[in-house]
């Protein structure tokens, strides 16, 4: 599908499933190389948006690792509220461990900043950030984003796990708001 409609908005394809897969492969290869000597790192998937990225990424990770989940929320409609809420906390201890935060999208960095705080308080030894999508024009924090699959403009997108008011996550491609 070249275009989709969700609620009151129309979207058009901006990134195909093939482009996404290529980017995920590239990121996985880099992580596999960087973590080959790390003792069982924890991949921390930030729900709901990163579930598809996490699943595809983990299929390509070759290092012995663990996967856990956390749920944070900051969106209302098509924009960030600026307030990050923890809906579901850490489901496993990260004390003394290397943690790779797996995010769907990094925009302002508020969620990353909150994740970093949570993980530091929980005693993580090393924290790395991995995101499917980075909006460099919107990112305003000093925390390093270690692994970026794709950089995109500061547009509103859906698909491949990302939603508009809870709809649109199921699409294999990524769609941009078509105004």
C-alpha atoms as a PDB file:
ATOM      1  CA  UNK A   1       0.000   0.000   0.000  1.00  0.00           C
ATOM      2  CA  UNK A   2       1.360   3.380  -1.000  1.00  0.00           C
ATOM      3  CA  UNK A   3      -1.056   5.298   1.236  1.00  0.00           C
ATOM      4  CA  UNK A   4      -3.079   4.536   4.340  1.00  0.00           C
ATOM      5  CA  UNK A   5      -5.652   6.375   6.412  1.00  0.00           C
ATOM      6  CA  UNK A   6      -5.712   6.224  10.220  1.00  0.00           C
ATOM      7  CA  UNK A   7      -8.372   8.082  12.168  1.00  0.00           C
ATOM      8  CA  UNK A   8      -8.511  11.507  10.522  1.00  0.00           C
ATOM      9  CA  UNK A   9      -5.059  11.464   8.882  1.00  0.00           C
ATOM     10  CA  UNK A  10      -3.566  10.217   5.616  1.00  0.00           C
ATOM     11  CA  UNK A  11      -0.058   8.764   5.398  1.00  0.00           C
ATOM     12  CA  UNK A  12       2.242   7.783   2.515  1.00  0.00           C
ATOM     13  CA  UNK A  13       5.136   5.310   2.428  1.00  0.00           C
ATOM     14  CA  UNK A  14       8.495   6.853   3.279  1.00  0.00           C
ATOM     15  CA  UNK A  15      10.569   3.763   4.199  1.00  0.00           C
ATOM     16  CA  UNK A  16       9.954   0.310   2.763  1.00  0.00           C
ATOM     17  CA  UNK A  17      10.217  -2.998   4.587  1.00  0.00           C
ATOM     18  CA  UNK A  18      13.322  -3.834   2.522  1.00  0.00           C
ATOM     19  CA  UNK A  19      15.024  -0.575   3.557  1.00  0.00           C
ATOM     20  CA  UNK A  20      14.134  -1.262   7.197  1.00  0.00           C
ATOM     21  CA  UNK A  21      15.525  -4.808   7.021  1.00  0.00           C
ATOM     22  CA  UNK A  22      18.782  -3.586   5.498  1.00  0.00           C
ATOM     23  CA  UNK A  23      19.170  -0.994   8.265  1.00  0.00           C
ATOM     24  CA  UNK A  24      18.365  -3.545  11.009  1.00  0.00           C
ATOM     25  CA  UNK A  25      20.976  -5.941   9.548  1.00  0.00           C
ATOM     26  CA  UNK A  26      23.603  -3.179   9.579  1.00  0.00           C
ATOM     27  CA  UNK A  27      22.878  -2.273  13.224  1.00  0.00           C
ATOM     28  CA  UNK A  28      22.849  -5.938  14.316  1.00  0.00           C
ATOM     29  CA  UNK A  29      26.236  -6.543  12.681  1.00  0.00           C
ATOM     30  CA  UNK A  30      27.725  -3.586  14.546  1.00  0.00           C
ATOM     31  CA  UNK A  31      26.230  -4.695  17.867  1.00  0.00           C
ATOM     32  CA  UNK A  32      27.456  -8.273  17.332  1.00  0.00           C
ATOM     33  CA  UNK A  33      30.980  -6.966  16.709  1.00  0.00           C
ATOM     34  CA  UNK A  34      30.951  -4.492  19.614  1.00  0.00           C
ATOM     35  CA  UNK A  35      29.511  -6.939  22.166  1.00  0.00           C
ATOM     36  CA  UNK A  36      31.257 -10.175  21.143  1.00  0.00           C
ATOM     37  CA  UNK A  37      33.311 -10.128  24.370  1.00  0.00           C
ATOM     38  CA  UNK A  38      30.494  -8.927  26.659  1.00  0.00           C
ATOM     39  CA  UNK A  39      29.030 -11.410  29.126  1.00  0.00           C
ATOM     40  CA  UNK A  40      25.315 -11.824  28.306  1.00  0.00           C
ATOM     41  CA  UNK A  41      24.147  -8.256  27.646  1.00  0.00           C
ATOM     42  CA  UNK A  42      20.517  -7.364  28.289  1.00  0.00           C
ATOM     43  CA  UNK A  43      18.474  -5.942  25.413  1.00  0.00           C
ATOM     44  CA  UNK A  44      15.813  -3.729  27.006  1.00  0.00           C
ATOM     45  CA  UNK A  45      12.917  -3.203  24.610  1.00  0.00           C
ATOM     46  CA  UNK A  46      10.838  -0.079  25.197  1.00  0.00           C
ATOM     47  CA  UNK A  47       7.195  -0.963  24.579  1.00  0.00           C
ATOM     48  CA  UNK A  48       4.967  -0.573  22.720  1.00  0.00           C
ATOM     49  CA  UNK A  49       6.649   0.991  19.712  1.00  0.00           C
ATOM     50  CA  UNK A  50       9.848  -1.030  19.575  1.00  0.00           C
ATOM     51  CA  UNK A  51       8.335  -4.515  19.591  1.00  0.00           C
ATOM     52  CA  UNK A  52       8.743  -5.087  15.836  1.00  0.00           C
ATOM     53  CA  UNK A  53      12.251  -3.614  15.737  1.00  0.00           C
ATOM     54  CA  UNK A  54      13.267  -5.668  18.776  1.00  0.00           C
ATOM     55  CA  UNK A  55      11.953  -8.897  17.233  1.00  0.00           C
ATOM     56  CA  UNK A  56      13.754  -8.312  13.925  1.00  0.00           C
ATOM     57  CA  UNK A  57      16.942  -7.130  15.639  1.00  0.00           C
ATOM     58  CA  UNK A  58      17.091 -10.109  18.003  1.00  0.00           C
ATOM     59  CA  UNK A  59      16.770 -12.543  15.074  1.00  0.00           C
ATOM     60  CA  UNK A  60      20.056 -11.082  13.814  1.00  0.00           C
ATOM     61  CA  UNK A  61      21.935 -10.881  17.141  1.00  0.00           C
ATOM     62  CA  UNK A  62      24.486 -13.670  17.490  1.00  0.00           C
ATOM     63  CA  UNK A  63      25.942 -12.854  20.917  1.00  0.00           C
ATOM     64  CA  UNK A  64      24.547 -14.703  23.927  1.00  0.00           C
ATOM     65  CA  UNK A  65      22.024 -12.240  25.326  1.00  0.00           C
ATOM     66  CA  UNK A  66      18.857 -11.682  27.310  1.00  0.00           C
ATOM     67  CA  UNK A  67      15.745  -9.683  26.310  1.00  0.00           C
ATOM     68  CA  UNK A  68      13.521  -7.815  28.771  1.00  0.00           C
ATOM     69  CA  UNK A  69      10.828  -5.176  28.439  1.00  0.00           C
ATOM     70  CA  UNK A  70       9.791  -1.865  29.933  1.00  0.00           C
ATOM     71  CA  UNK A  71       6.862   0.327  28.966  1.00  0.00           C
ATOM     72  CA  UNK A  72       7.104   4.104  28.865  1.00  0.00           C
ATOM     73  CA  UNK A  73       4.744   6.596  27.270  1.00  0.00           C
ATOM     74  CA  UNK A  74       5.064  10.237  26.257  1.00  0.00           C
ATOM     75  CA  UNK A  75       2.837  10.712  23.194  1.00  0.00           C
ATOM     76  CA  UNK A  76      -0.549  12.361  22.854  1.00  0.00           C
ATOM     77  CA  UNK A  77      -1.886  12.397  19.292  1.00  0.00           C
ATOM     78  CA  UNK A  78       0.898  13.361  16.881  1.00  0.00           C
ATOM     79  CA  UNK A  79       3.289  15.029  19.321  1.00  0.00           C
ATOM     80  CA  UNK A  80       5.234  14.297  22.478  1.00  0.00           C
ATOM     81  CA  UNK A  81       3.689  15.562  25.697  1.00  0.00           C
ATOM     82  CA  UNK A  82       7.175  16.136  27.110  1.00  0.00           C
ATOM     83  CA  UNK A  83       6.177  14.055  30.124  1.00  0.00           C
ATOM     84  CA  UNK A  84       7.503  10.471  30.229  1.00  0.00           C
ATOM     85  CA  UNK A  85       5.347   8.049  32.222  1.00  0.00           C
ATOM     86  CA  UNK A  86       6.525   4.606  33.317  1.00  0.00           C
ATOM     87  CA  UNK A  87       3.658   2.198  32.651  1.00  0.00           C
ATOM     88  CA  UNK A  88       5.546  -1.071  33.323  1.00  0.00           C
ATOM     89  CA  UNK A  89       8.900  -1.146  35.129  1.00  0.00           C
ATOM     90  CA  UNK A  90      11.957  -3.305  34.631  1.00  0.00           C
ATOM     91  CA  UNK A  91      11.116  -7.008  34.597  1.00  0.00           C
ATOM     92  CA  UNK A  92      14.649  -8.152  35.511  1.00  0.00           C
ATOM     93  CA  UNK A  93      17.593  -6.896  37.529  1.00  0.00           C
ATOM     94  CA  UNK A  94      20.164  -4.973  35.482  1.00  0.00           C
ATOM     95  CA  UNK A  95      22.627  -4.516  38.322  1.00  0.00           C
ATOM     96  CA  UNK A  96      26.218  -4.850  37.083  1.00  0.00           C
ATOM     97  CA  UNK A  97      25.079  -5.669  33.532  1.00  0.00           C
ATOM     98  CA  UNK A  98      25.542  -4.155  30.088  1.00  0.00           C
ATOM     99  CA  UNK A  99      22.134  -2.932  28.893  1.00  0.00           C
ATOM    100  CA  UNK A 100      21.229  -2.036  25.318  1.00  0.00           C
ATOM    101  CA  UNK A 101      18.077   0.079  25.286  1.00  0.00           C
ATOM    102  CA  UNK A 102      16.103  -0.757  22.124  1.00  0.00           C
ATOM    103  CA  UNK A 103      13.909   2.163  21.059  1.00  0.00           C
ATOM    104  CA  UNK A 104      11.661   2.630  18.058  1.00  0.00           C
ATOM    105  CA  UNK A 105      12.342   6.336  17.650  1.00  0.00           C
ATOM    106  CA  UNK A 106      14.411   9.029  19.343  1.00  0.00           C
ATOM    107  CA  UNK A 107      13.126  12.554  18.961  1.00  0.00           C
ATOM    108  CA  UNK A 108      13.571  15.050  21.810  1.00  0.00           C
ATOM    109  CA  UNK A 109      15.429  12.487  23.920  1.00  0.00           C
ATOM    110  CA  UNK A 110      13.113  12.772  26.932  1.00  0.00           C
ATOM    111  CA  UNK A 111      12.420   9.029  26.965  1.00  0.00           C
ATOM    112  CA  UNK A 112      16.128   8.210  26.561  1.00  0.00           C
ATOM    113  CA  UNK A 113      16.994  10.541  29.422  1.00  0.00           C
ATOM    114  CA  UNK A 114      14.386   8.865  31.658  1.00  0.00           C
ATOM    115  CA  UNK A 115      15.576   5.369  30.644  1.00  0.00           C
ATOM    116  CA  UNK A 116      19.170   6.326  31.414  1.00  0.00           C
ATOM    117  CA  UNK A 117      18.135   7.581  34.867  1.00  0.00           C
ATOM    118  CA  UNK A 118      16.137   4.408  35.597  1.00  0.00           C
ATOM    119  CA  UNK A 119      19.006   2.146  34.522  1.00  0.00           C
ATOM    120  CA  UNK A 120      21.655   4.083  36.471  1.00  0.00           C
ATOM    121  CA  UNK A 121      19.496   3.927  39.618  1.00  0.00           C
ATOM    122  CA  UNK A 122      19.048   0.179  39.039  1.00  0.00           C
ATOM    123  CA  UNK A 123      22.835  -0.297  38.903  1.00  0.00           C
ATOM    124  CA  UNK A 124      23.488  -0.994  35.208  1.00  0.00           C
ATOM    125  CA  UNK A 125      27.244  -1.159  34.583  1.00  0.00           C
ATOM    126  CA  UNK A 126      27.100   0.039  30.973  1.00  0.00           C
ATOM    127  CA  UNK A 127      24.208   1.556  29.019  1.00  0.00           C
ATOM    128  CA  UNK A 128      24.038   1.675  25.239  1.00  0.00           C
ATOM    129  CA  UNK A 129      21.219   3.171  23.199  1.00  0.00           C
ATOM    130  CA  UNK A 130      19.953   1.538  19.997  1.00  0.00           C
ATOM    131  CA  UNK A 131      17.172   3.090  17.950  1.00  0.00           C
ATOM    132  CA  UNK A 132      15.483   2.218  14.714  1.00  0.00           C
ATOM    133  CA  UNK A 133      14.873   5.889  13.930  1.00  0.00           C
ATOM    134  CA  UNK A 134      16.597   9.107  14.980  1.00  0.00           C
ATOM    135  CA  UNK A 135      15.292  12.592  14.287  1.00  0.00           C
ATOM    136  CA  UNK A 136      18.581  14.521  14.575  1.00  0.00           C
ATOM    137  CA  UNK A 137      16.880  17.913  14.144  1.00  0.00           C
ATOM    138  CA  UNK A 138      14.686  17.235  17.201  1.00  0.00           C
ATOM    139  CA  UNK A 139      17.239  15.532  19.514  1.00  0.00           C
ATOM    140  CA  UNK A 140      18.314  17.881  22.323  1.00  0.00           C
ATOM    141  CA  UNK A 141      20.052  15.694  24.909  1.00  0.00           C
ATOM    142  CA  UNK A 142      23.710  14.885  25.605  1.00  0.00           C
ATOM    143  CA  UNK A 143      23.244  11.114  25.896  1.00  0.00           C
ATOM    144  CA  UNK A 144      25.043   9.318  23.081  1.00  0.00           C
ATOM    145  CA  UNK A 145      22.901   7.267  20.705  1.00  0.00           C
ATOM    146  CA  UNK A 146      25.225   4.314  20.064  1.00  0.00           C
ATOM    147  CA  UNK A 147      23.321   2.551  17.279  1.00  0.00           C
ATOM    148  CA  UNK A 148      21.050   4.274  14.751  1.00  0.00           C
ATOM    149  CA  UNK A 149      19.420   2.257  11.985  1.00  0.00           C
ATOM    150  CA  UNK A 150      17.935   5.232  10.106  1.00  0.00           C
ATOM    151  CA  UNK A 151      17.946   9.016  10.421  1.00  0.00           C
ATOM    152  CA  UNK A 152      14.737  10.748   9.391  1.00  0.00           C
ATOM    153  CA  UNK A 153      13.333  14.292   9.191  1.00  0.00           C
ATOM    154  CA  UNK A 154      11.240  15.667  12.026  1.00  0.00           C
ATOM    155  CA  UNK A 155       7.951  14.372  10.561  1.00  0.00           C
ATOM    156  CA  UNK A 156       5.189  12.299  12.174  1.00  0.00           C
ATOM    157  CA  UNK A 157       5.329   8.642  11.126  1.00  0.00           C
ATOM    158  CA  UNK A 158       3.468   5.361  11.694  1.00  0.00           C
ATOM    159  CA  UNK A 159       3.980   1.697  10.874  1.00  0.00           C
ATOM    160  CA  UNK A 160       6.531  -0.950  11.856  1.00  0.00           C
ATOM    161  CA  UNK A 161       5.485  -0.653  15.495  1.00  0.00           C
ATOM    162  CA  UNK A 162       4.834   3.091  15.566  1.00  0.00           C
ATOM    163  CA  UNK A 163       1.279   4.321  16.006  1.00  0.00           C
ATOM    164  CA  UNK A 164      -1.106   7.218  15.745  1.00  0.00           C
ATOM    165  CA  UNK A 165      -3.459   7.078  18.742  1.00  0.00           C
ATOM    166  CA  UNK A 166      -2.857   3.314  19.096  1.00  0.00           C
ATOM    167  CA  UNK A 167      -3.465   2.419  15.434  1.00  0.00           C
ATOM    168  CA  UNK A 168      -1.075   1.677  12.567  1.00  0.00           C
ATOM    169  CA  UNK A 169       1.593  -0.420  14.313  1.00  0.00           C
ATOM    170  CA  UNK A 170       0.977  -3.489  12.121  1.00  0.00           C
ATOM    171  CA  UNK A 171       2.292  -2.137   8.818  1.00  0.00           C
ATOM    172  CA  UNK A 172       5.578  -3.562   7.508  1.00  0.00           C
ATOM    173  CA  UNK A 173       6.558  -0.225   5.945  1.00  0.00           C
ATOM    174  CA  UNK A 174       6.920   3.165   7.629  1.00  0.00           C
ATOM    175  CA  UNK A 175       4.502   5.901   6.565  1.00  0.00           C
ATOM    176  CA  UNK A 176       4.814   9.679   6.926  1.00  0.00           C
ATOM    177  CA  UNK A 177       1.933  12.052   7.551  1.00  0.00           C
ATOM    178  CA  UNK A 178       0.747  13.322   4.159  1.00  0.00           C
ATOM    179  CA  UNK A 179      -0.597  16.804   4.762  1.00  0.00           C
END
